[in-house]
């Protein structure tokens, strides 16, 4: 009997709904997909506002003392061929307070061999937003040949020659800017010759790399490194120093930490000080602020001291000489 009961259970018809195909659940309503256009055009007003901030930021970077001392100091040690070495370039950029030139106007003085070297050229330039090209436009002005610079804040555009086609378009690059000429730059040189010029700049708060090439009408390179490598300038910190020899002291010596040189008139024991923020191109030495003293104008420093890069103060003492420099 038990077996018949079990068999009847096995043969019984399945309950209603058992083993029927499952019906897929109704999907939940979803939000409509949003299309993002990463290349959407920014309206002109917003573009101008962005470029105005870029202009303000770039205008804060330029002013100051810039020097390629570190590059030119190490190139002989690195066995760079003489024909490929970069000249020691110094540039001092001053912001003008000159309504005639606009609210973002500057003068830059270039010297060869440091702050006491020969003046290579003096330029004026302005910065302004360029909405059409989405860049900060640097407009270059050369000084007229018959004009002598006096008070730089009295300069007017009539005293200058605008370098047509030589505008540089700067665009933001992370914490700095890159800038290039358009390719149509022609400079009128002394004697009436025309130079076709191109410039590339990479600048931030601490470093300024410049690649400039000038080709004359016959195709001869007039300036610019033969391998098109940039001149590397460093933004300098200003220091005030004093130095003494026995009972004679010279005070209030202003210099800078990118190869700033100070001549010390101690009569027969005259000397030179040199302040350099060294970023070592060889070895494992850490960057360091170094103060050198050259006795009797020798070419090799007899005394030197060093401390942390960009330190607020550095000093040395040896024999009858003492010196100290304090960051301003």
Protein backbone atom coordinates (compact mmCIF):
# COMPACT_ATOMS: atom_id res chain seq x y z
CA UNK A 1 0.00 0.00 0.00
CA UNK A 2 2.81 2.38 0.90
CA UNK A 3 4.40 1.83 -2.50
CA UNK A 4 1.15 2.57 -4.33
CA UNK A 5 0.75 5.81 -2.42
CA UNK A 6 4.29 6.91 -3.35
CA UNK A 7 3.65 6.06 -6.97
CA UNK A 8 0.45 8.07 -7.00
CA UNK A 9 2.35 11.08 -5.73
CA UNK A 10 4.92 10.63 -8.47
CA UNK A 11 2.26 10.45 -11.17
CA UNK A 12 0.18 13.31 -9.85
CA UNK A 13 -0.29 16.30 -12.16
CA UNK A 14 1.98 19.21 -11.35
CA UNK A 15 0.55 22.12 -9.42
CA UNK A 16 -0.61 25.11 -11.39
CA UNK A 17 2.26 27.43 -12.17
CA UNK A 18 5.04 24.96 -11.31
CA UNK A 19 7.86 24.60 -13.88
CA UNK A 20 6.38 27.31 -16.12
CA UNK A 21 8.89 29.54 -17.91
CA UNK A 22 9.83 32.54 -15.80
CA UNK A 23 8.71 35.93 -17.09
CA UNK A 24 11.60 38.46 -17.15
CA UNK A 25 11.08 41.25 -14.61
CA UNK A 26 10.02 44.61 -15.97
CA UNK A 27 13.14 46.85 -16.02
CA UNK A 28 13.18 49.88 -13.77
CA UNK A 29 12.83 53.16 -15.64
CA UNK A 30 16.28 54.70 -16.25
CA UNK A 31 17.40 58.31 -16.63
CA UNK A 32 17.98 59.56 -20.13
CA UNK A 33 21.66 59.47 -21.14
CA UNK A 34 23.34 62.86 -21.15
CA UNK A 35 25.64 63.68 -24.04
CA UNK A 36 28.77 65.59 -22.98
CA UNK A 37 30.54 67.62 -25.62
CA UNK A 38 34.11 68.04 -24.39
CA UNK A 39 34.83 70.30 -27.34
CA UNK A 40 31.99 72.71 -26.79
CA UNK A 41 32.91 76.27 -27.59
CA UNK A 42 33.28 78.70 -24.70
CA UNK A 43 31.48 81.96 -25.22
CA UNK A 44 33.54 85.05 -25.87
CA UNK A 45 32.91 86.63 -22.46
CA UNK A 46 34.08 83.54 -20.57
CA UNK A 47 37.12 83.23 -22.83
CA UNK A 48 38.05 86.84 -22.12
CA UNK A 49 37.71 86.29 -18.35
CA UNK A 50 39.99 83.23 -18.50
CA UNK A 51 42.56 85.06 -20.60
CA UNK A 52 42.42 88.10 -18.32
CA UNK A 53 43.44 85.89 -15.39
CA UNK A 54 46.18 84.30 -17.51
CA UNK A 55 47.43 87.78 -18.40
CA UNK A 56 47.52 88.80 -14.73
CA UNK A 57 49.39 85.61 -13.78
CA UNK A 58 51.96 85.98 -16.56
CA UNK A 59 52.44 89.65 -15.66
CA UNK A 60 53.42 88.57 -12.13
CA UNK A 61 55.99 86.04 -13.39
CA UNK A 62 58.03 88.25 -15.74
CA UNK A 63 59.40 91.04 -13.47
CA UNK A 64 62.73 90.36 -11.78
CA UNK A 65 66.29 89.28 -12.50
CA UNK A 66 66.88 86.23 -14.70
CA UNK A 67 70.30 84.69 -15.38
CA UNK A 68 71.66 81.64 -17.25
CA UNK A 69 74.74 81.48 -15.00
CA UNK A 70 74.12 77.89 -13.88
CA UNK A 71 73.91 76.65 -17.48
CA UNK A 72 76.99 78.47 -18.75
CA UNK A 73 78.98 77.53 -15.60
CA UNK A 74 78.53 73.78 -16.08
CA UNK A 75 78.67 73.42 -19.88
CA UNK A 76 82.51 73.29 -20.03
CA UNK A 77 82.51 70.67 -17.24
CA UNK A 78 79.95 68.63 -19.18
CA UNK A 79 82.28 68.74 -22.22
CA UNK A 80 79.74 70.55 -24.38
CA UNK A 81 81.55 71.48 -27.63
CA UNK A 82 82.48 75.17 -27.69
CA UNK A 83 80.37 75.87 -30.76
CA UNK A 84 77.29 74.52 -28.96
CA UNK A 85 77.76 76.28 -25.62
CA UNK A 86 75.27 78.96 -24.66
CA UNK A 87 76.45 82.49 -23.92
CA UNK A 88 75.95 83.70 -20.36
CA UNK A 89 72.75 85.76 -20.59
CA UNK A 90 71.33 88.16 -18.00
CA UNK A 91 67.86 89.68 -18.28
CA UNK A 92 66.24 92.21 -15.99
CA UNK A 93 62.49 92.74 -16.47
CA UNK A 94 60.87 95.83 -14.94
CA UNK A 95 57.13 96.49 -14.80
CA UNK A 96 56.30 100.01 -15.96
CA UNK A 97 54.01 102.48 -14.24
CA UNK A 98 53.27 104.20 -17.48
CA UNK A 99 49.69 104.98 -18.61
CA UNK A 100 50.93 105.70 -22.13
CA UNK A 101 51.98 102.05 -22.51
CA UNK A 102 48.98 100.45 -20.79
CA UNK A 103 48.59 98.65 -17.49
CA UNK A 104 50.64 95.57 -18.48
CA UNK A 105 53.83 97.10 -19.91
CA UNK A 106 57.44 96.08 -19.24
CA UNK A 107 61.04 96.85 -20.11
CA UNK A 108 63.62 94.07 -20.42
CA UNK A 109 67.37 94.70 -20.54
CA UNK A 110 69.58 91.90 -21.87
CA UNK A 111 73.27 91.74 -20.94
CA UNK A 112 76.05 89.39 -21.94
CA UNK A 113 78.03 87.77 -19.13
CA UNK A 114 75.95 88.83 -16.13
CA UNK A 115 74.72 92.05 -14.56
CA UNK A 116 78.00 93.90 -15.23
CA UNK A 117 78.27 92.74 -18.83
CA UNK A 118 77.72 94.49 -22.13
CA UNK A 119 74.12 95.49 -22.94
CA UNK A 120 72.94 93.41 -25.87
CA UNK A 121 69.54 95.03 -26.37
CA UNK A 122 66.68 96.74 -24.59
CA UNK A 123 63.10 95.89 -25.41
CA UNK A 124 59.69 97.00 -24.28
CA UNK A 125 56.62 94.77 -24.40
CA UNK A 126 52.98 94.68 -23.41
CA UNK A 127 50.64 91.83 -22.45
CA UNK A 128 46.94 91.64 -23.30
CA UNK A 129 44.22 88.99 -23.77
CA UNK A 130 43.83 87.80 -27.37
CA UNK A 131 40.34 86.28 -27.56
CA UNK A 132 40.55 85.39 -31.24
CA UNK A 133 43.63 83.19 -30.75
CA UNK A 134 42.76 82.17 -27.17
CA UNK A 135 46.14 83.33 -25.91
CA UNK A 136 47.93 86.08 -24.06
CA UNK A 137 49.51 88.30 -26.71
CA UNK A 138 52.93 89.79 -26.08
CA UNK A 139 53.54 92.78 -28.33
CA UNK A 140 57.24 93.65 -28.82
CA UNK A 141 58.68 97.15 -29.20
CA UNK A 142 62.24 98.11 -30.09
CA UNK A 143 63.76 101.45 -29.13
CA UNK A 144 64.16 103.94 -31.99
CA UNK A 145 67.85 104.35 -32.94
CA UNK A 146 67.90 108.09 -32.18
CA UNK A 147 66.12 107.80 -28.82
CA UNK A 148 68.00 107.70 -25.52
CA UNK A 149 66.20 105.99 -22.65
CA UNK A 150 65.85 108.16 -19.57
CA UNK A 151 62.87 107.77 -17.28
CA UNK A 152 61.32 104.51 -18.44
CA UNK A 153 57.93 105.62 -17.11
CA UNK A 154 57.97 108.55 -19.54
CA UNK A 155 58.35 106.35 -22.62
CA UNK A 156 55.56 106.66 -25.19
CA UNK A 157 54.81 104.48 -28.25
CA UNK A 158 56.18 107.33 -30.38
CA UNK A 159 59.65 106.60 -28.93
CA UNK A 160 59.46 102.95 -29.98
CA UNK A 161 59.14 100.79 -33.07
CA UNK A 162 56.49 98.08 -32.95
CA UNK A 163 57.86 94.78 -34.26
CA UNK A 164 55.07 93.89 -36.67
CA UNK A 165 54.50 90.14 -37.03
CA UNK A 166 56.68 89.41 -34.00
CA UNK A 167 53.89 89.09 -31.44
CA UNK A 168 54.24 86.07 -29.17
CA UNK A 169 51.17 84.04 -28.19
CA UNK A 170 51.44 82.62 -24.67
CA UNK A 171 49.21 79.77 -23.53
CA UNK A 172 48.97 78.26 -20.07
CA UNK A 173 51.06 75.18 -19.33
CA UNK A 174 50.32 73.73 -15.85
CA UNK A 175 51.98 76.25 -13.53
CA UNK A 176 53.53 78.31 -16.31
CA UNK A 177 53.19 79.34 -19.96
CA UNK A 178 54.60 78.51 -23.37
CA UNK A 179 54.84 81.13 -26.08
CA UNK A 180 55.67 81.21 -29.79
CA UNK A 181 55.95 83.71 -32.61
CA UNK A 182 53.59 83.22 -35.53
CA UNK A 183 56.31 82.58 -38.10
CA UNK A 184 55.97 85.97 -39.80
CA UNK A 185 58.41 87.90 -37.62
CA UNK A 186 60.88 90.15 -39.43
CA UNK A 187 63.21 92.48 -37.54
CA UNK A 188 64.88 95.52 -39.06
CA UNK A 189 68.53 95.56 -37.97
CA UNK A 190 71.18 98.27 -38.12
CA UNK A 191 72.21 99.06 -41.68
CA UNK A 192 68.77 98.28 -43.04
CA UNK A 193 69.13 94.49 -43.03
CA UNK A 194 66.10 92.34 -42.29
CA UNK A 195 66.26 89.34 -39.99
CA UNK A 196 63.64 86.61 -40.06
CA UNK A 197 63.17 85.67 -36.43
CA UNK A 198 61.38 82.95 -34.46
CA UNK A 199 61.09 82.59 -30.68
CA UNK A 200 59.85 79.87 -28.36
CA UNK A 201 59.46 80.53 -24.62
CA UNK A 202 58.73 78.23 -21.70
CA UNK A 203 58.37 80.18 -18.46
CA UNK A 204 57.15 79.71 -14.90
CA UNK A 205 57.87 81.36 -11.55
CA UNK A 206 61.42 79.94 -11.36
CA UNK A 207 62.69 79.10 -14.84
CA UNK A 208 62.60 80.71 -18.26
CA UNK A 209 63.82 78.79 -21.32
CA UNK A 210 64.24 80.71 -24.57
CA UNK A 211 64.93 79.33 -28.03
CA UNK A 212 65.39 82.13 -30.55
CA UNK A 213 66.69 81.87 -34.10
CA UNK A 214 67.55 84.72 -36.45
CA UNK A 215 68.21 84.18 -40.18
CA UNK A 216 69.37 86.98 -42.46
CA UNK A 217 68.29 87.62 -46.05
CA UNK A 218 70.98 85.27 -47.41
CA UNK A 219 69.96 82.37 -45.15
CA UNK A 220 72.83 82.76 -42.69
CA UNK A 221 72.05 82.21 -39.02
CA UNK A 222 72.73 85.46 -37.17
CA UNK A 223 71.82 84.28 -33.68
CA UNK A 224 70.46 81.23 -31.92
CA UNK A 225 72.20 78.03 -30.85
CA UNK A 226 73.31 75.74 -33.67
CA UNK A 227 71.50 72.72 -32.20
CA UNK A 228 68.36 74.79 -31.42
CA UNK A 229 68.72 74.05 -27.70
CA UNK A 230 67.31 76.70 -25.33
CA UNK A 231 69.08 79.22 -23.13
CA UNK A 232 68.04 78.33 -19.57
CA UNK A 233 67.56 81.29 -17.25
CA UNK A 234 66.77 81.05 -13.55
CA UNK A 235 64.73 83.58 -11.56
CA UNK A 236 67.06 85.11 -8.98
CA UNK A 237 66.55 86.06 -5.36
CA UNK A 238 67.93 89.42 -4.25
CA UNK A 239 70.42 89.58 -1.35
CA UNK A 240 72.05 92.42 0.57
CA UNK A 241 75.64 91.79 1.60
CA UNK A 242 78.51 93.27 3.55
CA UNK A 243 82.20 92.37 3.46
CA UNK A 244 85.24 93.39 5.49
CA UNK A 245 89.01 93.15 5.35
CA UNK A 246 90.61 93.83 8.74
CA UNK A 247 89.11 97.13 9.92
CA UNK A 248 87.54 98.19 6.62
CA UNK A 249 83.93 97.26 5.90
CA UNK A 250 81.81 97.69 2.78
CA UNK A 251 78.06 97.55 3.44
CA UNK A 252 74.76 97.68 1.56
CA UNK A 253 75.94 95.62 -1.40
CA UNK A 254 72.96 94.49 -3.44
CA UNK A 255 73.34 91.30 -5.47
CA UNK A 256 71.45 88.20 -6.58
CA UNK A 257 71.92 84.43 -6.25
CA UNK A 258 72.31 83.47 -9.92
CA UNK A 259 75.94 84.49 -10.39
CA UNK A 260 75.73 87.99 -8.90
CA UNK A 261 79.23 89.44 -8.66
CA UNK A 262 80.39 92.08 -6.16
CA UNK A 263 83.68 93.98 -6.42
CA UNK A 264 85.29 94.83 -3.08
CA UNK A 265 87.68 97.80 -3.06
CA UNK A 266 90.16 97.08 -0.26
CA UNK A 267 93.09 98.74 -2.00
CA UNK A 268 95.95 96.28 -2.44
CA UNK A 269 93.73 93.54 -0.99
CA UNK A 270 90.72 94.11 -3.24
CA UNK A 271 88.60 91.05 -3.86
CA UNK A 272 85.37 89.82 -5.43
CA UNK A 273 82.35 88.04 -4.02
CA UNK A 274 80.11 85.82 -6.12
CA UNK A 275 76.75 84.38 -5.02
CA UNK A 276 75.41 81.36 -6.86
CA UNK A 277 72.37 79.13 -6.26
CA UNK A 278 73.94 75.96 -7.66
CA UNK A 279 71.83 73.22 -9.20
CA UNK A 280 74.58 70.65 -9.72
CA UNK A 281 74.70 69.21 -13.24
CA UNK A 282 77.17 66.51 -12.14
CA UNK A 283 77.62 64.37 -9.05
CA UNK A 284 75.16 63.77 -6.22
CA UNK A 285 75.40 67.13 -4.45
CA UNK A 286 72.12 68.67 -3.43
CA UNK A 287 71.23 72.16 -4.76
CA UNK A 288 73.00 74.70 -2.58
CA UNK A 289 73.49 78.42 -2.10
CA UNK A 290 77.22 79.10 -2.39
CA UNK A 291 79.23 82.23 -1.60
CA UNK A 292 82.69 82.55 -3.16
CA UNK A 293 85.47 85.04 -2.36
CA UNK A 294 88.21 85.66 -4.92
CA UNK A 295 91.27 87.29 -3.37
CA UNK A 296 93.05 89.97 -5.39
CA UNK A 297 90.77 89.26 -8.37
CA UNK A 298 92.16 85.75 -8.94
CA UNK A 299 90.20 83.47 -11.28
CA UNK A 300 89.92 80.69 -8.68
CA UNK A 301 88.05 81.25 -5.42
CA UNK A 302 90.25 80.94 -2.34
CA UNK A 303 87.35 80.93 0.13
CA UNK A 304 83.81 79.62 -0.19
CA UNK A 305 80.90 78.48 1.93
CA UNK A 306 77.55 76.84 1.21
CA UNK A 307 74.16 76.21 2.75
CA UNK A 308 70.65 75.11 1.74
CA UNK A 309 69.28 76.25 -1.60
CA UNK A 310 67.58 79.64 -1.27
CA UNK A 311 68.62 80.07 2.39
CA UNK A 312 67.88 83.39 4.07
CA UNK A 313 71.50 83.97 5.07
CA UNK A 314 75.00 82.82 4.20
CA UNK A 315 78.40 83.94 5.52
CA UNK A 316 82.10 83.15 5.31
CA UNK A 317 85.24 84.05 7.25
CA UNK A 318 88.86 83.24 6.53
CA UNK A 319 91.95 85.08 7.67
CA UNK A 320 91.32 88.83 7.45
CA UNK A 321 88.22 88.48 5.24
CA UNK A 322 84.61 88.22 6.34
CA UNK A 323 81.37 88.45 4.37
CA UNK A 324 77.66 87.88 4.87
CA UNK A 325 74.60 88.02 2.59
CA UNK A 326 70.94 88.20 3.69
CA UNK A 327 67.93 87.47 1.49
CA UNK A 328 65.64 90.44 0.88
